[in-house]
Amino acid sequence: MPRLHELFIGLMSGTSLDGVDAVLARFPEAGGMQVLNHLHQPFPTALKDELLALNKPGDNELHRGALAANALSRHYADVVAQLLELSELPSKAICALGAHGQTVRHRPGEFDGCGYTLQLLNGALLAEQSAIAVVCDFRSRDVAAGGQGAPLVPAFHRAQFARLDREVAVLNIGGISNISLLERSGGTLGFDCGPGNCLMDLWIGEHLGQAYDAAGAWAASGKVLPDLLSQMLAEPFFALPPPRSTGRDLFNRAWLQTHLAASGPCSAQDVQATLLELTVHGVVDSLRRHAIDTQDLLVCGGGAMNAHLMQRLQSLLPGVKVLPTDARGLPAMQVEAAAFAWLAMRHVRGLPGNLRTATGAAGPRVLGALYPA
């Protein structure tokens, strides 16, 4: 059995609000990573609805946010228990778990020069219920150091996917899409590209009652609306230089409705096709501006399951190999959770988890707050 200080759990629930991914990983002292098990658990409908509602200002937010954090922590604890049972391990075998929490506000650098990022989670409750040390609130230290607090995964992507003979980019398409540019010379750049699945999921939910567009089939049935696409791409965020990050604070229903109102009547499936194209163009423009020599584009997150989206990326990037991270040894749906297991390991071992070139922070920082078991 691996030694106590080698086993970590990572928990990730992203902007897409599709549920929790949990990974059990081993990090030998000599380096490297081995994923031992993975589990996905959807959110209960009531919890998902409340977390989505808390992305917008509303009545009694402090009270509701605290209770939602408790509910999320209990759900995380249930997922951890299932993962341990599946792995036939006791909680005492785990050194620590890294938990992302649920982002409901992300406003780094705004208002007072520091701003804030808020991920709902009760780390103390999770530690109490799981009987495992919890590392959480990873983004705040980076923001305090003048960074965006996102993306945090580029350092992990470099450790896992960088090549000495290839220019590699790793694209995570969750609710928001973010990219890590892994230069073979050793340089790393990372930033948010724009919306990932969040607007597409919102639109298909309102019109077909589905949580997501399976394989992008509904988008593929429509046609792209050039005027609407151009109007949405005129959003100032897309012109910002890295480091940059975004979230539902910007790309939300109100943002979409503003653009739809200006574009005139159009069919629902054509809007879905255009929203998919918006995601694709955000990625393609990012590569053309900042990593024109990219040879491999490794895709993870739920977007990697969207066949139409993957086809559009490949069509617009003919000189690039577009493939899921599965082809490089780590399944697309495990990458983000594995990153937070890695971040927990870095915290426990006193090692930095951020990259200045990705977040804009003043320098490397040990990320997260620890709640002992």
Protein backbone atom coordinates (compact mmCIF):
# COMPACT_ATOMS: atom_id res chain seq x y z
CA MET A 1 0.00 0.00 0.00
CA PRO A 2 1.29 3.52 -0.76
CA ARG A 3 2.55 5.46 2.23
CA LEU A 4 0.24 7.89 4.03
CA HIS A 5 1.92 11.01 2.72
CA GLU A 6 1.57 9.88 -0.91
CA LEU A 7 -2.25 9.59 -1.22
CA PHE A 8 -4.42 12.64 -1.93
CA ILE A 9 -7.99 13.22 -3.06
CA GLY A 10 -9.03 16.03 -5.39
CA LEU A 11 -12.59 17.38 -5.57
CA MET A 12 -13.73 19.65 -8.37
CA SER A 13 -17.12 21.21 -9.08
CA GLY A 14 -16.84 23.77 -11.82
CA THR A 15 -18.77 26.60 -13.43
CA SER A 16 -20.84 24.13 -15.46
CA LEU A 17 -22.51 22.92 -12.22
CA ASP A 18 -22.78 19.40 -13.59
CA GLY A 19 -21.67 17.85 -10.29
CA VAL A 20 -18.55 16.77 -8.42
CA ASP A 21 -15.56 14.92 -9.82
CA ALA A 22 -13.40 13.12 -7.27
CA VAL A 23 -9.98 11.61 -7.94
CA LEU A 24 -7.78 9.49 -5.69
CA ALA A 25 -4.17 9.99 -6.72
CA ARG A 26 -0.75 8.91 -5.57
CA PHE A 27 2.15 11.36 -5.62
CA PRO A 28 5.43 9.57 -4.89
CA GLU A 29 8.15 11.67 -3.29
CA ALA A 30 10.29 10.94 -6.35
CA GLY A 31 7.76 12.72 -8.58
CA GLY A 32 4.99 11.86 -10.98
CA MET A 33 1.34 11.00 -10.40
CA GLN A 34 -0.78 7.86 -10.55
CA VAL A 35 -4.58 8.14 -10.57
CA LEU A 36 -5.96 5.22 -8.60
CA ASN A 37 -9.69 5.91 -8.85
CA HIS A 38 -12.25 8.40 -10.14
CA LEU A 39 -15.89 9.07 -9.32
CA HIS A 40 -18.47 11.54 -10.65
CA GLN A 41 -21.58 12.47 -8.68
CA PRO A 42 -24.22 14.88 -10.05
CA PHE A 43 -25.56 17.62 -7.80
CA PRO A 44 -28.99 17.22 -6.24
CA THR A 45 -31.34 19.45 -8.23
CA ALA A 46 -32.16 21.75 -5.30
CA LEU A 47 -28.46 22.32 -4.51
CA LYS A 48 -27.61 22.97 -8.16
CA ASP A 49 -30.45 25.48 -8.47
CA GLU A 50 -29.40 27.34 -5.32
CA LEU A 51 -25.73 27.48 -6.34
CA LEU A 52 -26.73 28.84 -9.73
CA ALA A 53 -29.04 31.41 -8.13
CA LEU A 54 -26.24 32.59 -5.82
CA ASN A 55 -24.21 33.63 -8.86
CA LYS A 56 -26.51 36.65 -9.02
CA PRO A 57 -27.34 39.25 -6.35
CA GLY A 58 -30.43 38.30 -4.36
CA ASP A 59 -32.21 38.45 -1.04
CA ASN A 60 -30.55 37.13 2.12
CA GLU A 61 -27.38 36.09 0.30
CA LEU A 62 -25.19 35.69 3.39
CA HIS A 63 -27.61 33.29 5.05
CA ARG A 64 -28.34 31.35 1.86
CA GLY A 65 -24.67 31.23 0.90
CA ALA A 66 -23.66 29.83 4.29
CA LEU A 67 -26.30 27.10 4.12
CA ALA A 68 -25.37 26.29 0.51
CA ALA A 69 -21.73 25.96 1.57
CA ASN A 70 -22.78 23.52 4.28
CA ALA A 71 -24.90 21.50 1.84
CA LEU A 72 -22.08 21.43 -0.70
CA SER A 73 -19.61 20.28 1.97
CA ARG A 74 -21.91 17.44 3.00
CA HIS A 75 -22.27 16.44 -0.65
CA TYR A 76 -18.47 16.51 -1.04
CA ALA A 77 -18.16 14.32 2.08
CA ASP A 78 -20.62 11.79 0.62
CA VAL A 79 -18.59 11.64 -2.60
CA VAL A 80 -15.36 11.14 -0.61
CA ALA A 81 -16.97 8.29 1.34
CA GLN A 82 -18.05 6.62 -1.89
CA LEU A 83 -14.58 7.03 -3.39
CA LEU A 84 -12.94 5.49 -0.32
CA GLU A 85 -15.38 2.58 -0.36
CA LEU A 86 -14.72 2.04 -4.05
CA SER A 87 -10.97 2.12 -3.36
CA GLU A 88 -11.24 -0.10 -0.25
CA LEU A 89 -9.33 2.44 1.83
CA PRO A 90 -9.99 4.04 5.23
CA SER A 91 -9.98 7.81 5.59
CA LYS A 92 -6.78 7.62 7.64
CA ALA A 93 -4.92 6.37 4.54
CA ILE A 94 -5.35 9.79 2.87
CA CYS A 95 -2.86 12.56 3.59
CA ALA A 96 -5.22 15.37 2.57
CA LEU A 97 -7.97 16.27 0.14
CA GLY A 98 -8.01 19.35 -2.06
CA ALA A 99 -11.48 20.83 -2.54
CA HIS A 100 -12.20 23.60 -5.00
CA GLY A 101 -15.60 24.68 -3.69
CA GLN A 102 -18.19 26.38 -5.89
CA THR A 103 -17.37 29.75 -7.42
CA VAL A 104 -20.23 32.23 -7.07
CA ARG A 105 -18.28 35.49 -7.51
CA HIS A 106 -14.97 36.21 -9.24
CA ARG A 107 -13.89 39.87 -9.24
CA PRO A 108 -10.09 39.96 -8.81
CA GLY A 109 -8.41 43.37 -8.85
CA GLU A 110 -11.69 45.29 -8.81
CA PHE A 111 -13.23 47.84 -6.45
CA ASP A 112 -10.36 48.34 -3.95
CA GLY A 113 -7.32 47.26 -5.95
CA CYS A 114 -7.43 43.72 -4.57
CA GLY A 115 -10.94 42.52 -5.28
CA TYR A 116 -11.98 39.03 -4.34
CA THR A 117 -12.90 35.55 -5.48
CA LEU A 118 -15.51 33.55 -3.60
CA GLN A 119 -15.83 29.77 -3.64
CA LEU A 120 -18.59 28.45 -1.36
CA LEU A 121 -17.37 25.68 0.94
CA ASN A 122 -17.22 24.96 4.65
CA GLY A 123 -13.74 23.44 4.93
CA ALA A 124 -14.12 22.78 8.66
CA LEU A 125 -17.36 20.86 8.12
CA LEU A 126 -15.83 18.84 5.30
CA ALA A 127 -12.84 17.93 7.48
CA GLU A 128 -15.18 16.98 10.32
CA GLN A 129 -17.39 14.79 8.14
CA SER A 130 -14.69 13.15 6.02
CA ALA A 131 -12.11 12.67 8.83
CA ILE A 132 -9.48 13.85 6.32
CA ALA A 133 -7.40 17.04 6.36
CA VAL A 134 -8.91 19.53 3.91
CA VAL A 135 -7.05 22.08 1.80
CA CYS A 136 -9.37 24.64 0.19
CA ASP A 137 -9.74 28.32 -0.73
CA PHE A 138 -6.88 27.97 -3.20
CA ARG A 139 -7.56 31.14 -5.20
CA SER A 140 -7.58 33.81 -2.48
CA ARG A 141 -3.82 33.83 -1.81
CA ASP A 142 -3.07 34.39 -5.47
CA VAL A 143 -5.57 37.28 -5.57
CA ALA A 144 -4.00 38.75 -2.43
CA ALA A 145 -0.65 38.66 -4.26
CA GLY A 146 -2.11 40.73 -7.09
CA GLY A 147 -3.11 37.82 -9.31
CA GLN A 148 -6.32 36.81 -11.01
CA GLY A 149 -6.69 33.69 -8.85
CA ALA A 150 -7.24 31.80 -12.09
CA PRO A 151 -6.40 29.74 -13.89
CA LEU A 152 -4.58 27.65 -11.28
CA VAL A 153 -4.19 24.50 -13.36
CA PRO A 154 -1.32 25.55 -15.73
CA ALA A 155 1.38 24.47 -13.25
CA PHE A 156 -0.26 21.04 -13.01
CA HIS A 157 -0.71 20.88 -16.77
CA ARG A 158 3.02 21.55 -17.21
CA ALA A 159 3.90 18.80 -14.73
CA GLN A 160 1.58 16.35 -16.47
CA PHE A 161 1.60 17.15 -20.20
CA ALA A 162 4.61 19.27 -21.21
CA ARG A 163 6.94 17.88 -23.88
CA LEU A 164 10.53 18.76 -24.73
CA ASP A 165 9.92 18.09 -28.43
CA ARG A 166 6.43 19.62 -28.95
CA GLU A 167 4.61 22.89 -28.40
CA VAL A 168 1.59 21.78 -26.36
CA ALA A 169 -1.57 23.59 -25.25
CA VAL A 170 -4.02 22.15 -22.75
CA LEU A 171 -7.59 23.40 -23.07
CA ASN A 172 -10.10 22.86 -20.30
CA ILE A 173 -13.69 23.42 -21.41
CA GLY A 174 -15.95 23.52 -18.39
CA GLY A 175 -18.45 26.30 -17.86
CA ILE A 176 -15.62 28.67 -18.78
CA SER A 177 -12.77 27.67 -21.09
CA ASN A 178 -9.17 28.17 -20.00
CA ILE A 179 -5.93 27.31 -21.72
CA SER A 180 -2.37 26.46 -20.67
CA LEU A 181 0.38 27.09 -23.21
CA LEU A 182 3.29 24.74 -22.49
CA GLU A 183 6.34 25.82 -24.45
CA ARG A 184 8.97 23.18 -25.04
CA SER A 185 11.54 25.74 -23.88
CA GLY A 186 9.98 25.61 -20.40
CA GLY A 187 7.80 28.73 -20.50
CA THR A 188 4.16 28.53 -19.47
CA LEU A 189 1.29 30.92 -20.08
CA GLY A 190 -2.29 30.37 -18.97
CA PHE A 191 -5.53 32.36 -19.06
CA ASP A 192 -9.28 32.13 -19.57
CA CYS A 193 -10.40 32.14 -23.20
CA GLY A 194 -14.07 32.97 -22.61
CA PRO A 195 -17.26 30.97 -22.20
CA GLY A 196 -17.00 27.21 -22.41
CA ASN A 197 -20.26 25.31 -21.90
CA CYS A 198 -22.07 27.77 -19.61
CA LEU A 199 -24.07 29.64 -22.26
CA MET A 200 -24.77 26.52 -24.33
CA ASP A 201 -25.99 24.66 -21.23
CA LEU A 202 -28.17 27.61 -20.26
CA TRP A 203 -29.74 27.85 -23.71
CA ILE A 204 -30.51 24.16 -24.19
CA GLY A 205 -31.85 23.97 -20.65
CA GLU A 206 -34.32 26.78 -21.34
CA HIS A 207 -35.44 25.41 -24.72
CA LEU A 208 -35.20 21.62 -24.52
CA GLY A 209 -35.01 21.01 -20.79
CA GLN A 210 -31.67 19.22 -21.15
CA ALA A 211 -28.65 19.73 -18.90
CA TYR A 212 -26.25 19.88 -21.86
CA ASP A 213 -26.09 19.43 -25.62
CA ALA A 214 -24.97 15.80 -25.95
CA ALA A 215 -22.15 15.57 -28.52
CA GLY A 216 -23.16 19.05 -29.72
CA ALA A 217 -25.94 17.49 -31.80
CA TRP A 218 -28.40 20.37 -31.35
CA ALA A 219 -25.75 22.95 -32.22
CA ALA A 220 -24.81 20.91 -35.28
CA SER A 221 -28.45 21.04 -36.45
CA GLY A 222 -28.40 24.84 -36.61
CA LYS A 223 -26.46 27.38 -38.61
CA VAL A 224 -24.07 30.00 -37.25
CA LEU A 225 -25.42 33.55 -37.27
CA PRO A 226 -22.47 35.73 -38.39
CA ASP A 227 -23.87 39.05 -37.15
CA LEU A 228 -24.69 37.67 -33.71
CA LEU A 229 -21.28 35.99 -33.48
CA SER A 230 -19.46 39.20 -34.43
CA GLN A 231 -21.49 41.17 -31.92
CA MET A 232 -20.66 38.74 -29.10
CA LEU A 233 -16.97 38.60 -30.07
CA ALA A 234 -16.88 42.39 -29.72
CA GLU A 235 -17.11 41.89 -25.93
CA PRO A 236 -14.06 43.75 -24.51
CA PHE A 237 -12.94 40.70 -22.51
CA PHE A 238 -11.77 38.98 -25.71
CA ALA A 239 -9.35 41.83 -26.44
CA LEU A 240 -7.74 41.79 -22.98
CA PRO A 241 -4.15 40.56 -22.82
CA PRO A 242 -3.23 37.77 -20.40
CA PRO A 243 -3.34 37.37 -17.49
CA ARG A 244 -7.13 37.42 -17.60
CA SER A 245 -9.95 35.44 -16.04
CA THR A 246 -13.73 35.51 -16.17
CA GLY A 247 -16.85 33.68 -15.04
CA ARG A 248 -20.62 33.88 -14.77
CA ASP A 249 -20.20 37.43 -13.46
CA LEU A 250 -19.84 38.36 -17.15
CA PHE A 251 -21.02 35.47 -19.33
CA ASN A 252 -24.54 34.92 -18.04
CA ARG A 253 -28.17 35.03 -19.12
CA ALA A 254 -28.36 38.84 -18.97
CA TRP A 255 -25.28 39.14 -21.22
CA LEU A 256 -26.78 36.71 -23.72
CA GLN A 257 -30.20 38.35 -23.70
CA THR A 258 -28.65 41.75 -24.37
CA HIS A 259 -27.00 40.43 -27.53
CA LEU A 260 -30.09 38.50 -28.65
CA ALA A 261 -32.27 41.59 -28.25
CA ALA A 262 -29.92 43.51 -30.53
CA SER A 263 -29.77 40.80 -33.19
CA GLY A 264 -33.48 40.33 -33.91
CA PRO A 265 -35.52 37.10 -34.27
CA CYS A 266 -33.60 33.84 -34.79
CA SER A 267 -34.22 30.15 -34.25
CA ALA A 268 -33.17 28.48 -31.01
CA GLN A 269 -30.91 25.93 -32.70
CA ASP A 270 -29.17 28.68 -34.68
CA VAL A 271 -28.43 30.47 -31.41
CA GLN A 272 -27.00 27.23 -30.02
CA ALA A 273 -24.80 26.81 -33.10
CA THR A 274 -23.57 30.38 -32.68
CA LEU A 275 -22.85 29.91 -28.97
CA LEU A 276 -20.73 26.86 -29.77
CA GLU A 277 -18.91 28.89 -32.39
CA LEU A 278 -18.32 31.63 -29.82
CA THR A 279 -16.56 29.12 -27.56
CA VAL A 280 -14.51 27.81 -30.48
CA HIS A 281 -13.48 31.27 -31.68
CA GLY A 282 -12.43 32.29 -28.17
CA VAL A 283 -10.02 29.35 -28.13
CA VAL A 284 -8.78 29.72 -31.69
CA ASP A 285 -8.14 33.44 -31.29
CA SER A 286 -6.21 32.75 -28.07
CA LEU A 287 -3.91 30.33 -29.87
CA ARG A 288 -3.41 32.59 -32.89
CA ARG A 289 -2.48 35.54 -30.68
CA HIS A 290 -0.32 33.82 -28.10
CA ALA A 291 0.76 30.36 -29.31
CA ILE A 292 0.85 30.31 -33.09
CA ASP A 293 3.33 27.41 -33.09
CA THR A 294 1.12 25.05 -31.06
CA GLN A 295 1.35 21.49 -32.37
CA ASP A 296 -0.89 19.59 -29.93
CA LEU A 297 -4.12 20.88 -28.39
CA LEU A 298 -5.12 18.54 -25.56
CA VAL A 299 -8.73 19.03 -24.48
CA CYS A 300 -10.22 18.14 -21.11
CA GLY A 301 -13.43 18.88 -19.22
CA GLY A 302 -16.96 18.31 -20.44
CA GLY A 303 -16.25 20.07 -23.73
CA ALA A 304 -13.99 17.18 -24.75
CA MET A 305 -17.17 15.06 -24.96
CA ASN A 306 -18.76 17.51 -27.43
CA ALA A 307 -17.94 15.91 -30.79
CA HIS A 308 -19.19 18.87 -32.84
CA LEU A 309 -17.11 21.32 -30.80
CA MET A 310 -14.01 19.15 -31.20
CA GLN A 311 -14.64 18.95 -34.96
CA ARG A 312 -14.97 22.74 -35.22
CA LEU A 313 -11.71 23.23 -33.31
CA GLN A 314 -9.91 20.84 -35.65
CA SER A 315 -11.45 22.50 -38.71
CA LEU A 316 -10.23 25.96 -37.68
CA LEU A 317 -6.83 24.66 -36.52
CA PRO A 318 -5.77 22.46 -39.46
CA GLY A 319 -2.09 22.42 -38.49
CA VAL A 320 -2.78 21.35 -34.90
CA LYS A 321 -3.55 17.90 -33.49
CA VAL A 322 -6.77 18.34 -31.48
CA LEU A 323 -7.33 15.40 -29.16
CA PRO A 324 -8.64 14.65 -25.67
CA THR A 325 -6.14 14.34 -22.82
CA ASP A 326 -7.00 10.61 -22.75
CA ALA A 327 -4.48 10.30 -25.57
CA ARG A 328 -1.77 11.50 -23.16
CA GLY A 329 -2.66 9.18 -20.30
CA LEU A 330 -5.20 11.13 -18.24
CA PRO A 331 -8.94 10.92 -19.09
CA ALA A 332 -10.53 14.27 -19.89
CA MET A 333 -13.02 14.10 -17.01
CA GLN A 334 -10.30 13.44 -14.42
CA VAL A 335 -7.89 16.28 -15.18
CA GLU A 336 -9.42 19.07 -13.10
CA ALA A 337 -10.00 16.95 -10.01
CA ALA A 338 -6.48 15.54 -10.32
CA ALA A 339 -5.20 19.13 -10.42
CA PHE A 340 -6.76 19.87 -7.03
CA ALA A 341 -5.29 16.69 -5.56
CA TRP A 342 -1.95 17.99 -6.88
CA LEU A 343 -2.57 21.43 -5.35
CA ALA A 344 -3.36 19.82 -1.99
CA MET A 345 -0.11 17.87 -2.22
CA ARG A 346 1.81 21.05 -2.99
CA HIS A 347 0.29 22.79 0.02
CA VAL A 348 1.11 19.94 2.40
CA ARG A 349 4.69 19.80 1.12
CA GLY A 350 5.11 23.58 1.33
CA LEU A 351 5.43 24.08 -2.42
CA PRO A 352 3.89 26.85 -4.55
CA GLY A 353 0.88 26.02 -6.71
CA ASN A 354 0.50 29.09 -8.91
CA LEU A 355 2.39 30.47 -11.88
CA ARG A 356 2.96 34.22 -12.18
CA THR A 357 2.76 33.91 -15.98
CA ALA A 358 -0.74 32.44 -15.69
CA THR A 359 -2.35 34.56 -12.97
CA GLY A 360 -0.26 37.71 -12.84
CA ALA A 361 0.51 37.31 -9.13
CA ALA A 362 3.62 38.96 -7.69
CA GLY A 363 5.29 35.57 -7.44
CA PRO A 364 4.90 31.90 -6.50
CA ARG A 365 2.76 31.22 -3.43
CA VAL A 366 1.74 28.20 -1.37
CA LEU A 367 -2.00 28.14 -2.04
CA GLY A 368 -4.93 27.20 0.16
CA ALA A 369 -6.02 27.03 3.78
CA LEU A 370 -5.67 23.82 5.81
CA TYR A 371 -8.35 22.35 8.07
CA PRO A 372 -6.79 19.39 9.93
CA ALA A 373 -8.68 16.11 10.17
